[in-house]
Amino acid sequence: MADSVTSYLSRSRGRYCVRALTSRWVRAFFVVGLGISVSLAGCSMAPRLEDPLEPLPEQFEAAARADQSAQHYWWHGFGDPYLNQLVDSVIARNLDLRVAVARVAEVQNQFRIARAEQLPSIELAARRDQQDIPSNIGIGGQLGDRFSVPGAPEFPDRFDYTTYSASLGFAYEIDFWGRVRGTKRAALQEFFATQSDVRTVLMGVIGETVATYFEIAARHRTLELTKESVRILTERAEILSDRYERGLVSPLEFRAAQQQLHAAKADLPVLESQLDATRGRLSLLLGSYRMPMGTMLVPESAYTYALEEIPSGLPSDLLQERPDVVAAFQRLEAARERIGAARAVQFPSFSLTGAAGTQSSTLSDIVKTSQNFWLFGTGLTAPIFNAGRIRANIRVAWAQYEQLALQYEKTVLMAFRDVEAALVNYGKLKERHASLTAAQASARDRVQIQELRYLRGTGDYLGFLDARRNLVLSEIGLMESRRSLAEARLAVHRSLGGTWIQEGLALGPETP
């Protein structure tokens, strides 16, 4: 990005030079001014940048080997082509992301405004001035006294004349103390920071899309399993109702079965409402009112990736690529440059002005070289008394710098803590997932045992139905655990700014 901006500045600076060197006197001035500016380019009133942070630990405690290559398509690791297409669509259509990109365009043009002050301003002017004034004022009054002698020609009562002029003028402030350069560098850092803000928004949008995708799939599967539970409870209630009518079961057991059935049915509207709300969030991420959405079945490879080990000892310098940390540092740099610009105002400023063109009382003579005129001026302006305004502006710049230094420190510490918390949470959820997987396997074995006992006549059918419902409940818990584990994996990527790559995982736009 810095190389592209540098090349752009070089091309733009070349266009300004071509426009400026349009006449001999402009060329001579520009060469002198450019020489002075280049000789002073190393001068800056900005303070030295000192790292406000204490050294961070070399690596994260909760996670001694890692590939630090930047990963721009980290979500491809879940191995779901539909998810990849969904993320691409969100990137193209998300409204928050489009607002952030428009903000970049705004700050980019603010940088161009600040950069323009480094170059002379050149204006082309054409004028027609017509005057009709009495002759007894100013120099006309003095000349009139000389004409009021015997034998002198009659002096006119009024002067009426027209003047035509065409000129090319310029104005330039020699940036002796680096005020303009400091303002420009501050604007450039703000531009870079805004680009980092876009990366932050992009990271948040992608993360929210992936999390919502997994949530929709989990809620849809939970709804199906709950319907299966209702069917099992309905069958169980019908059996107990028949036995109750024949006096084989107590009213307490019969009412308990009815209660379980109604409670399970009551969960269905809530689950359907939650599924609809989650789909609505995904539609909003896609920048649309509502989108047709069928069943989202997350492939097993997505959950396999979520279970893969994270390399231990991830180095803490991975945080240098996290966009919010980068943006905070770039704004700190911008504030430092603004201190230099504020300091430079307290010293004298040097300016050059000039104009050249033709002037005539008749329009046809304006193109004649004999009607040419030129003027050239130099100026020095030094502040003497301003009621402390300049010193107050310097203090304001220092205060802003100190605020941003503290904000940068907080951002880095929060980012470090985010990674630590994400790694710890991921490890704990893996432990929970392992326990729920074992519980689901036990529930499946129980179903097989109850089915075998029923077929042999040593167990009743109600025990088999209870075992089946217990299996459904364990599958619901395992489904939620798999979703939580995938989101925890996602949180690790988000906390690192998406920059971590697992060894042996080749990702990129060509990944299906």
Protein backbone atom coordinates (compact mmCIF):
# COMPACT_ATOMS: atom_id res chain seq x y z
CA MET A 1 0.00 0.00 0.00
CA ALA A 2 2.80 2.41 0.87
CA ASP A 3 4.51 1.69 -2.47
CA SER A 4 1.30 2.39 -4.40
CA VAL A 5 0.74 5.64 -2.55
CA THR A 6 4.35 6.68 -3.17
CA SER A 7 4.05 6.00 -6.88
CA TYR A 8 0.78 7.92 -6.96
CA LEU A 9 2.41 10.89 -5.23
CA SER A 10 5.27 10.79 -7.72
CA ARG A 11 2.89 10.87 -10.68
CA SER A 12 0.80 13.64 -9.15
CA ARG A 13 3.88 15.71 -8.31
CA GLY A 14 5.00 15.36 -11.92
CA ARG A 15 1.67 16.71 -13.20
CA TYR A 16 1.93 19.73 -10.91
CA CYS A 17 5.44 20.43 -12.19
CA VAL A 18 4.30 20.39 -15.80
CA ARG A 19 1.56 22.89 -15.02
CA ALA A 20 3.91 25.14 -13.07
CA LEU A 21 6.70 25.39 -15.60
CA THR A 22 4.75 27.37 -18.17
CA SER A 23 6.94 30.43 -18.38
CA ARG A 24 10.55 31.38 -17.85
CA TRP A 25 10.05 33.39 -14.67
CA VAL A 26 7.86 30.69 -13.13
CA ARG A 27 10.49 28.08 -13.99
CA ALA A 28 13.26 30.13 -12.41
CA PHE A 29 11.24 30.68 -9.25
CA PHE A 30 10.23 27.07 -9.02
CA VAL A 31 13.82 25.83 -9.29
CA VAL A 32 14.93 28.16 -6.48
CA GLY A 33 11.95 27.32 -4.26
CA LEU A 34 12.32 23.60 -4.91
CA GLY A 35 16.01 23.76 -4.01
CA ILE A 36 15.23 25.47 -0.72
CA SER A 37 12.45 23.01 0.08
CA VAL A 38 14.57 19.95 -0.71
CA SER A 39 17.48 21.28 1.35
CA LEU A 40 15.13 21.69 4.32
CA ALA A 41 13.17 18.47 3.79
CA GLY A 42 14.88 16.77 6.70
CA CYS A 43 13.80 19.48 9.15
CA SER A 44 10.87 18.62 11.38
CA MET A 45 9.53 20.16 14.58
CA ALA A 46 7.79 16.88 15.52
CA PRO A 47 9.04 15.08 18.65
CA ARG A 48 10.75 11.70 18.43
CA LEU A 49 8.45 8.72 18.61
CA GLU A 50 8.93 6.62 21.72
CA ASP A 51 7.13 3.33 22.23
CA PRO A 52 4.68 3.91 25.11
CA LEU A 53 4.39 0.18 25.77
CA GLU A 54 6.44 -2.01 28.02
CA PRO A 55 7.83 -5.08 26.20
CA LEU A 56 5.14 -7.70 25.69
CA PRO A 57 5.72 -11.38 26.38
CA GLU A 58 7.38 -13.10 23.45
CA GLN A 59 4.54 -15.57 23.03
CA PHE A 60 1.05 -16.28 24.26
CA GLU A 61 0.89 -18.42 27.39
CA ALA A 62 -2.14 -20.42 26.43
CA ALA A 63 -0.89 -21.47 23.08
CA ALA A 64 6.50 -22.72 20.37
CA ARG A 65 6.05 -22.94 16.67
CA ALA A 66 3.97 -20.98 14.20
CA ASP A 67 3.78 -19.92 10.59
CA GLN A 68 3.55 -16.13 10.61
CA SER A 69 2.59 -15.81 6.96
CA ALA A 70 -0.39 -13.54 6.43
CA GLN A 71 -3.59 -15.41 5.65
CA HIS A 72 -6.15 -13.41 3.73
CA TYR A 73 -8.57 -16.32 3.19
CA TRP A 74 -8.48 -17.94 6.61
CA TRP A 75 -12.18 -18.85 6.52
CA HIS A 76 -11.45 -21.30 3.69
CA GLY A 77 -9.96 -23.53 6.38
CA PHE A 78 -13.47 -24.64 7.34
CA GLY A 79 -13.66 -26.42 3.99
CA ASP A 80 -17.16 -25.26 3.01
CA PRO A 81 -17.52 -23.91 -0.56
CA TYR A 82 -20.97 -22.47 0.25
CA LEU A 83 -19.50 -20.52 3.15
CA ASN A 84 -16.74 -19.17 0.88
CA GLN A 85 -19.31 -17.95 -1.65
CA LEU A 86 -21.40 -16.42 1.12
CA VAL A 87 -18.43 -14.46 2.49
CA ASP A 88 -17.60 -13.21 -1.02
CA SER A 89 -21.17 -11.97 -1.42
CA VAL A 90 -21.11 -10.22 1.94
CA ILE A 91 -17.82 -8.50 1.11
CA ALA A 92 -19.32 -7.18 -2.11
CA ARG A 93 -22.66 -6.04 -0.65
CA ASN A 94 -22.29 -5.25 3.06
CA LEU A 95 -23.40 -1.71 3.86
CA ASP A 96 -21.06 -1.14 6.81
CA LEU A 97 -18.12 -2.09 4.66
CA ARG A 98 -19.23 0.25 1.88
CA VAL A 99 -19.51 3.12 4.38
CA ALA A 100 -15.96 2.40 5.58
CA VAL A 101 -14.66 2.41 2.00
CA ALA A 102 -16.39 5.75 1.36
CA ARG A 103 -14.69 7.11 4.48
CA VAL A 104 -11.34 6.13 2.95
CA ALA A 105 -12.16 8.18 -0.15
CA GLU A 106 -12.96 11.16 2.08
CA VAL A 107 -9.69 10.96 4.02
CA GLN A 108 -7.74 10.36 0.82
CA ASN A 109 -8.95 13.67 -0.57
CA GLN A 110 -8.17 15.39 2.74
CA PHE A 111 -4.61 14.19 2.29
CA ARG A 112 -4.58 15.62 -1.23
CA ILE A 113 -5.72 18.98 0.16
CA ALA A 114 -2.88 18.96 2.71
CA ARG A 115 -0.36 17.90 0.07
CA ALA A 116 -1.39 20.73 -2.27
CA GLU A 117 0.03 23.32 0.14
CA GLN A 118 3.54 22.11 -0.65
CA LEU A 119 3.29 23.38 -4.21
CA PRO A 120 2.73 26.89 -5.59
CA SER A 121 -0.81 27.93 -6.34
CA ILE A 122 -1.11 29.28 -9.88
CA GLU A 123 -4.12 31.18 -11.14
CA LEU A 124 -5.06 32.47 -14.55
CA ALA A 125 -7.06 35.70 -14.47
CA ALA A 126 -8.78 37.77 -17.16
CA ARG A 127 -10.46 41.04 -16.24
CA ARG A 128 -12.39 43.91 -17.79
CA ASP A 129 -12.55 46.99 -15.56
CA GLN A 130 -14.62 50.06 -16.46
CA GLN A 131 -14.46 53.22 -14.38
CA ASP A 132 -16.36 56.49 -14.45
CA ILE A 133 -15.16 58.85 -11.70
CA PRO A 134 -15.14 62.63 -11.15
CA SER A 135 -11.91 64.37 -12.12
CA ASN A 136 -11.61 66.50 -8.98
CA ILE A 137 -10.50 63.68 -6.67
CA GLY A 138 -7.09 62.15 -6.10
CA ILE A 139 -4.45 62.93 -8.69
CA GLY A 140 -7.14 64.31 -11.00
CA GLY A 141 -7.79 67.08 -8.54
CA GLN A 142 -4.13 68.05 -8.46
CA LEU A 143 -3.84 68.02 -12.24
CA GLY A 144 -7.01 70.06 -12.55
CA ASP A 145 -5.38 72.93 -10.66
CA ARG A 146 -2.62 73.07 -13.29
CA PHE A 147 -5.15 73.27 -16.11
CA SER A 148 -7.04 76.18 -14.50
CA VAL A 149 -4.72 78.85 -15.91
CA PRO A 150 -5.43 81.20 -18.77
CA GLY A 151 -4.81 79.60 -22.16
CA ALA A 152 -4.76 76.04 -20.85
CA PRO A 153 -7.06 73.44 -22.41
CA GLU A 154 -10.29 72.71 -20.64
CA PHE A 155 -9.98 69.98 -18.03
CA PRO A 156 -12.70 67.28 -18.22
CA ASP A 157 -15.25 66.99 -15.44
CA ARG A 158 -15.08 63.16 -15.32
CA PHE A 159 -12.74 60.34 -16.29
CA ASP A 160 -14.27 57.38 -18.13
CA TYR A 161 -12.00 54.55 -19.21
CA THR A 162 -11.91 50.76 -19.66
CA THR A 163 -9.00 48.44 -18.91
CA TYR A 164 -8.52 44.88 -20.14
CA SER A 165 -5.98 42.56 -18.53
CA ALA A 166 -4.89 38.92 -18.66
CA SER A 167 -2.37 37.54 -16.20
CA LEU A 168 -0.88 34.42 -14.70
CA GLY A 169 -0.23 34.74 -10.95
CA PHE A 170 1.27 32.52 -8.31
CA ALA A 171 1.67 32.33 -4.54
CA TYR A 172 3.97 30.06 -2.59
CA GLU A 173 4.91 29.65 1.05
CA ILE A 174 8.42 28.35 1.65
CA ASP A 175 8.00 25.56 4.16
CA PHE A 176 11.12 26.52 6.13
CA TRP A 177 10.02 25.04 9.47
CA GLY A 178 8.16 22.01 8.11
CA ARG A 179 4.63 23.07 8.98
CA VAL A 180 3.19 22.04 5.62
CA ARG A 181 5.21 18.83 5.50
CA GLY A 182 4.08 17.92 9.00
CA THR A 183 0.43 18.56 8.11
CA LYS A 184 0.81 16.46 4.98
CA ARG A 185 2.48 13.57 6.82
CA ALA A 186 -0.23 13.69 9.49
CA ALA A 187 -2.92 13.52 6.79
CA LEU A 188 -1.11 10.60 5.16
CA GLN A 189 -1.02 8.68 8.46
CA GLU A 190 -4.72 9.38 8.94
CA PHE A 191 -5.31 7.97 5.46
CA PHE A 192 -3.38 4.81 6.33
CA ALA A 193 -5.26 4.55 9.63
CA THR A 194 -8.59 4.80 7.81
CA GLN A 195 -7.50 2.00 5.50
CA SER A 196 -6.73 -0.08 8.59
CA ASP A 197 -10.21 0.78 9.88
CA VAL A 198 -11.62 -0.78 6.71
CA ARG A 199 -9.67 -3.95 7.50
CA THR A 200 -11.12 -3.89 11.01
CA VAL A 201 -14.65 -3.56 9.66
CA LEU A 202 -13.93 -6.25 7.08
CA MET A 203 -12.66 -8.59 9.78
CA GLY A 204 -15.75 -7.96 11.88
CA VAL A 205 -18.13 -8.46 8.95
CA ILE A 206 -16.47 -11.71 7.87
CA GLY A 207 -16.39 -12.99 11.43
CA GLU A 208 -20.06 -12.13 11.95
CA THR A 209 -20.96 -13.83 8.65
CA VAL A 210 -19.13 -17.05 9.55
CA ALA A 211 -20.61 -17.09 13.06
CA THR A 212 -24.14 -16.45 11.75
CA TYR A 213 -23.71 -19.18 9.15
CA PHE A 214 -22.79 -21.72 11.82
CA GLU A 215 -25.62 -20.47 14.02
CA ILE A 216 -28.22 -20.94 11.26
CA ALA A 217 -26.98 -24.46 10.57
CA ALA A 218 -27.02 -25.34 14.28
CA ARG A 219 -30.48 -23.87 14.87
CA HIS A 220 -31.89 -25.65 11.83
CA ARG A 221 -30.47 -28.97 13.02
CA THR A 222 -31.69 -28.31 16.58
CA LEU A 223 -35.18 -27.64 15.23
CA GLU A 224 -35.15 -30.96 13.37
CA LEU A 225 -33.94 -32.85 16.43
CA THR A 226 -36.58 -31.16 18.62
CA LYS A 227 -39.28 -32.24 16.17
CA GLU A 228 -37.91 -35.77 16.42
CA SER A 229 -38.10 -35.49 20.21
CA VAL A 230 -41.73 -34.34 19.94
CA ARG A 231 -42.54 -37.37 17.77
CA ILE A 232 -40.95 -39.69 20.32
CA LEU A 233 -42.81 -38.03 23.21
CA THR A 234 -46.08 -38.16 21.26
CA GLU A 235 -45.70 -41.88 20.73
CA ARG A 236 -44.79 -42.35 24.39
CA ALA A 237 -47.80 -40.30 25.55
CA GLU A 238 -50.16 -42.31 23.36
CA ILE A 239 -48.88 -45.57 24.86
CA LEU A 240 -49.24 -44.26 28.41
CA SER A 241 -52.69 -42.88 27.62
CA ASP A 242 -53.82 -46.35 26.53
CA ARG A 243 -52.31 -47.93 29.61
CA TYR A 244 -53.86 -45.24 31.83
CA GLU A 245 -57.33 -45.97 30.46
CA ARG A 246 -56.77 -49.63 31.26
CA GLY A 247 -55.55 -48.78 34.76
CA LEU A 248 -52.02 -50.03 34.18
CA VAL A 249 -50.24 -46.74 35.04
CA SER A 250 -50.86 -44.13 37.66
CA PRO A 251 -52.31 -40.67 36.88
CA LEU A 252 -49.01 -39.15 38.02
CA GLU A 253 -47.02 -41.04 35.39
CA PHE A 254 -49.58 -40.25 32.70
CA ARG A 255 -49.64 -36.51 33.52
CA ALA A 256 -45.82 -36.42 33.60
CA ALA A 257 -45.72 -37.78 30.05
CA GLN A 258 -48.29 -35.17 28.93
CA GLN A 259 -46.24 -32.41 30.56
CA GLN A 260 -43.04 -33.49 28.79
CA LEU A 261 -44.85 -33.54 25.43
CA HIS A 262 -46.35 -30.06 25.82
CA ALA A 263 -43.04 -28.63 27.04
CA ALA A 264 -41.25 -30.04 23.98
CA LYS A 265 -43.94 -28.62 21.66
CA ALA A 266 -43.57 -25.22 23.36
CA ASP A 267 -39.89 -25.15 22.32
CA LEU A 268 -40.75 -25.38 18.61
CA PRO A 269 -42.12 -21.81 18.10
CA VAL A 270 -39.16 -20.36 20.01
CA LEU A 271 -36.68 -22.29 17.88
CA GLU A 272 -38.45 -21.25 14.67
CA SER A 273 -38.44 -17.61 15.77
CA GLN A 274 -34.74 -17.76 16.64
CA LEU A 275 -33.96 -19.34 13.28
CA ASP A 276 -35.88 -16.62 11.46
CA ALA A 277 -34.10 -13.88 13.42
CA THR A 278 -30.71 -15.40 12.65
CA ARG A 279 -31.55 -15.57 8.96
CA GLY A 280 -32.61 -11.92 9.15
CA ARG A 281 -29.18 -11.00 10.55
CA LEU A 282 -27.50 -12.75 7.65
CA SER A 283 -29.76 -10.91 5.20
CA LEU A 284 -28.71 -7.63 6.80
CA LEU A 285 -25.06 -8.58 6.43
CA LEU A 286 -25.81 -9.18 2.74
CA GLY A 287 -27.46 -5.75 2.44
CA SER A 288 -30.93 -7.08 1.58
CA TYR A 289 -34.36 -7.25 3.22
CA ARG A 290 -34.79 -10.98 2.95
CA MET A 291 -33.07 -13.67 0.99
CA PRO A 292 -34.33 -17.15 0.12
CA MET A 293 -32.35 -19.58 2.21
CA GLY A 294 -32.64 -23.33 2.20
CA THR A 295 -31.17 -25.78 4.64
CA MET A 296 -27.59 -25.00 5.54
CA LEU A 297 -25.75 -28.23 6.18
CA VAL A 298 -22.25 -27.54 7.40
CA PRO A 299 -19.88 -30.22 6.09
CA GLU A 300 -18.02 -32.43 8.53
CA SER A 301 -14.72 -30.91 7.34
CA ALA A 302 -15.74 -27.60 8.98
CA TYR A 303 -16.00 -29.22 12.40
CA THR A 304 -12.87 -31.30 11.75
CA TYR A 305 -10.96 -28.06 11.15
CA ALA A 306 -12.44 -26.61 14.32
CA LEU A 307 -11.03 -29.57 16.26
CA GLU A 308 -7.52 -29.34 14.84
CA GLU A 309 -4.77 -28.31 17.24
CA ILE A 310 -3.66 -24.69 17.26
CA PRO A 311 0.14 -24.39 17.12
CA SER A 312 1.55 -23.72 20.56
CA GLY A 313 3.59 -20.64 21.34
CA LEU A 314 2.06 -18.22 18.87
CA PRO A 315 4.41 -15.19 18.93
CA SER A 316 2.95 -11.98 20.29
CA ASP A 317 4.34 -9.94 17.39
CA LEU A 318 1.48 -11.37 15.32
CA LEU A 319 -0.52 -8.54 16.88
CA GLN A 320 1.45 -6.09 14.72
CA GLU A 321 -0.76 -7.17 11.81
CA ARG A 322 -4.02 -6.74 13.67
CA PRO A 323 -5.79 -3.82 11.94
CA ASP A 324 -7.03 -1.99 15.03
CA VAL A 325 -3.50 -2.03 16.49
CA VAL A 326 -2.08 -0.76 13.20
CA ALA A 327 -4.69 2.00 13.02
CA ALA A 328 -4.00 3.10 16.61
CA PHE A 329 -0.27 3.37 15.90
CA GLN A 330 -0.84 5.29 12.65
CA ARG A 331 -3.07 7.79 14.43
CA LEU A 332 -0.38 8.16 17.08
CA GLU A 333 2.08 8.99 14.30
CA ALA A 334 -0.37 11.52 12.84
CA ALA A 335 -0.68 13.23 16.23
CA ARG A 336 3.11 13.40 16.51
CA GLU A 337 3.35 15.12 13.12
CA ARG A 338 0.64 17.59 14.13
CA ILE A 339 2.78 18.62 17.12
CA GLY A 340 5.54 19.58 14.70
CA ALA A 341 3.12 21.52 12.53
CA ALA A 342 1.78 23.39 15.57
CA ARG A 343 5.30 24.22 16.72
CA ALA A 344 6.28 25.59 13.31
CA VAL A 345 3.52 28.23 13.45
CA GLN A 346 5.39 30.15 16.18
CA PHE A 347 8.27 30.95 13.76
CA PRO A 348 8.27 33.43 10.85
CA SER A 349 6.75 32.31 7.56
CA PHE A 350 8.22 33.22 4.19
CA SER A 351 6.08 33.69 1.09
CA LEU A 352 6.62 34.51 -2.56
CA THR A 353 4.00 36.05 -4.84
CA GLY A 354 4.07 37.17 -8.42
CA ALA A 355 2.09 37.80 -11.56
CA ALA A 356 2.78 38.45 -15.23
CA GLY A 357 0.52 39.30 -18.14
CA THR A 358 -0.69 42.06 -20.45
CA GLN A 359 -2.85 45.10 -19.87
CA SER A 360 -4.48 47.50 -22.30
CA SER A 361 -7.31 49.98 -22.60
CA THR A 362 -8.50 48.28 -25.76
CA LEU A 363 -9.26 44.62 -26.10
CA SER A 364 -7.41 44.25 -29.41
CA ASP A 365 -4.11 45.45 -27.92
CA ILE A 366 -4.09 42.95 -25.06
CA VAL A 367 -2.18 40.39 -27.16
CA LYS A 368 0.67 42.81 -27.92
CA THR A 369 3.92 42.10 -26.09
CA SER A 370 4.51 45.80 -25.58
CA GLN A 371 1.56 45.82 -23.16
CA ASN A 372 3.16 43.30 -20.80
CA PHE A 373 3.59 43.79 -17.08
CA TRP A 374 4.98 41.75 -14.20
CA LEU A 375 5.32 41.95 -10.49
CA PHE A 376 7.19 39.88 -7.93
CA GLY A 377 6.96 40.09 -4.15
CA THR A 378 8.47 38.45 -1.11
CA GLY A 379 7.01 38.48 2.35
CA LEU A 380 7.91 37.59 5.89
CA THR A 381 5.26 37.22 8.55
CA ALA A 382 6.18 36.67 12.16
CA PRO A 383 3.73 36.29 15.06
CA ILE A 384 4.21 38.97 17.73
CA PHE A 385 1.09 38.89 19.88
CA ASN A 386 -1.81 36.42 19.63
CA ALA A 387 -2.95 36.14 23.25
CA GLY A 388 -1.34 32.71 23.70
CA ARG A 389 -3.23 31.08 20.83
CA ILE A 390 -0.15 29.43 19.30
CA ARG A 391 1.10 28.03 22.62
CA ALA A 392 -2.39 26.75 23.37
CA ASN A 393 -2.53 25.01 19.99
CA ILE A 394 0.80 23.31 20.76
CA ARG A 395 -0.52 22.15 24.12
CA VAL A 396 -3.67 20.86 22.41
CA ALA A 397 -1.52 18.87 19.97
CA TRP A 398 0.52 17.43 22.85
CA ALA A 399 -2.63 16.53 24.77
CA GLN A 400 -4.05 14.76 21.71
CA TYR A 401 -0.76 12.89 21.28
CA GLU A 402 -0.81 11.75 24.91
CA GLN A 403 -4.42 10.59 24.57
CA LEU A 404 -3.62 8.58 21.45
CA ALA A 405 -0.51 7.11 23.10
CA LEU A 406 -2.65 5.85 25.95
CA GLN A 407 -5.27 4.62 23.50
CA TYR A 408 -2.59 2.77 21.54
CA GLU A 409 -1.32 1.16 24.74
CA LYS A 410 -4.85 0.12 25.67
CA THR A 411 -5.51 -1.25 22.18
CA VAL A 412 -2.40 -3.42 22.26
CA LEU A 413 -3.12 -4.71 25.77
CA MET A 414 -6.73 -5.45 24.84
CA ALA A 415 -5.62 -7.23 21.68
CA PHE A 416 -3.15 -9.33 23.68
CA ARG A 417 -5.84 -10.14 26.19
CA ASP A 418 -8.29 -11.02 23.41
CA VAL A 419 -5.88 -13.61 22.04
CA GLU A 420 -5.21 -15.08 25.47
CA ALA A 421 -8.93 -15.27 26.25
CA ALA A 422 -9.74 -16.79 22.84
CA LEU A 423 -7.07 -19.48 23.26
CA VAL A 424 -8.19 -20.33 26.79
CA ASN A 425 -11.86 -20.44 25.75
CA TYR A 426 -11.01 -22.64 22.78
CA GLY A 427 -9.13 -25.09 24.98
CA LYS A 428 -11.95 -25.31 27.53
CA LEU A 429 -14.59 -25.81 24.84
CA LYS A 430 -12.53 -28.63 23.36
CA GLU A 431 -12.58 -30.34 26.75
CA ARG A 432 -16.35 -29.87 26.97
CA HIS A 433 -16.81 -31.15 23.41
CA ALA A 434 -14.83 -34.28 24.23
CA SER A 435 -17.10 -34.99 27.23
CA LEU A 436 -20.28 -34.41 25.21
CA THR A 437 -18.96 -36.66 22.42
CA ALA A 438 -18.43 -39.43 24.98
CA ALA A 439 -21.91 -38.81 26.39
CA GLN A 440 -23.46 -39.02 22.93
CA ALA A 441 -21.64 -42.32 22.27
CA SER A 442 -22.97 -43.69 25.57
CA ALA A 443 -26.49 -42.57 24.67
CA ARG A 444 -26.22 -44.36 21.32
CA ASP A 445 -25.03 -47.54 23.03
CA ARG A 446 -27.96 -47.26 25.43
CA VAL A 447 -30.42 -47.13 22.51
CA GLN A 448 -28.91 -50.27 21.02
CA ILE A 449 -29.09 -52.07 24.37
CA GLN A 450 -32.72 -51.05 24.98
CA GLU A 451 -33.69 -52.05 21.45
CA LEU A 452 -32.05 -55.45 21.89
CA ARG A 453 -33.79 -55.97 25.25
CA TYR A 454 -37.15 -55.05 23.72
CA LEU A 455 -36.71 -57.46 20.82
CA ARG A 456 -35.76 -60.25 23.27
CA GLY A 457 -38.75 -59.48 25.48
CA THR A 458 -36.68 -58.54 28.52
CA GLY A 459 -37.43 -54.80 28.29
CA ASP A 460 -40.45 -52.70 27.40
CA TYR A 461 -40.94 -50.30 24.52
CA LEU A 462 -41.16 -47.25 26.78
CA GLY A 463 -37.58 -47.82 27.89
CA PHE A 464 -36.53 -47.92 24.23
CA LEU A 465 -38.40 -44.62 23.55
CA ASP A 466 -36.76 -43.01 26.59
CA ALA A 467 -33.33 -44.10 25.33
CA ARG A 468 -34.08 -42.65 21.87
CA ARG A 469 -35.18 -39.32 23.34
CA ASN A 470 -32.09 -39.22 25.54
CA LEU A 471 -30.00 -39.75 22.38
CA VAL A 472 -31.78 -36.86 20.65
CA LEU A 473 -31.10 -34.58 23.62
CA SER A 474 -27.43 -35.59 23.63
CA GLU A 475 -27.21 -34.86 19.88
CA ILE A 476 -28.71 -31.41 20.47
CA GLY A 477 -26.10 -30.71 23.15
CA LEU A 478 -23.32 -32.00 20.89
CA MET A 479 -24.56 -29.87 18.00
CA GLU A 480 -24.43 -26.74 20.14
CA SER A 481 -20.98 -27.74 21.33
CA ARG A 482 -19.73 -28.15 17.77
CA ARG A 483 -21.10 -24.75 16.88
CA SER A 484 -19.48 -23.20 19.96
CA LEU A 485 -16.18 -24.84 19.10
CA ALA A 486 -16.29 -23.54 15.52
CA GLU A 487 -17.03 -20.04 16.83
CA ALA A 488 -14.17 -20.36 19.32
CA ARG A 489 -11.85 -21.26 16.44
CA LEU A 490 -13.21 -18.22 14.63
CA ALA A 491 -12.53 -16.05 17.70
CA VAL A 492 -8.85 -17.04 17.63
CA HIS A 493 -8.60 -15.88 14.02
CA ARG A 494 -10.45 -12.66 14.79
CA SER A 495 -8.32 -11.85 17.82
CA LEU A 496 -5.18 -12.26 15.71
CA GLY A 497 -6.60 -10.19 12.88
CA GLY A 498 -6.91 -13.25 10.65
CA THR A 499 -3.13 -13.44 10.26
CA TRP A 500 -2.44 -16.88 11.70
CA ILE A 501 -1.97 -19.85 9.37
CA GLN A 502 -1.78 -23.40 10.55
CA GLU A 503 1.15 -25.38 9.21
CA GLY A 504 0.40 -27.45 6.14
CA LEU A 505 -2.79 -25.53 5.30
CA ALA A 506 -2.57 -23.86 1.89
CA LEU A 507 -5.30 -21.29 1.53
CA GLY A 508 -6.06 -18.74 -1.13
CA PRO A 509 -8.64 -17.59 -3.64
CA GLU A 510 -8.18 -20.75 -5.65
CA THR A 511 -9.33 -22.89 -2.73
CA PRO A 512 -12.73 -24.36 -3.62
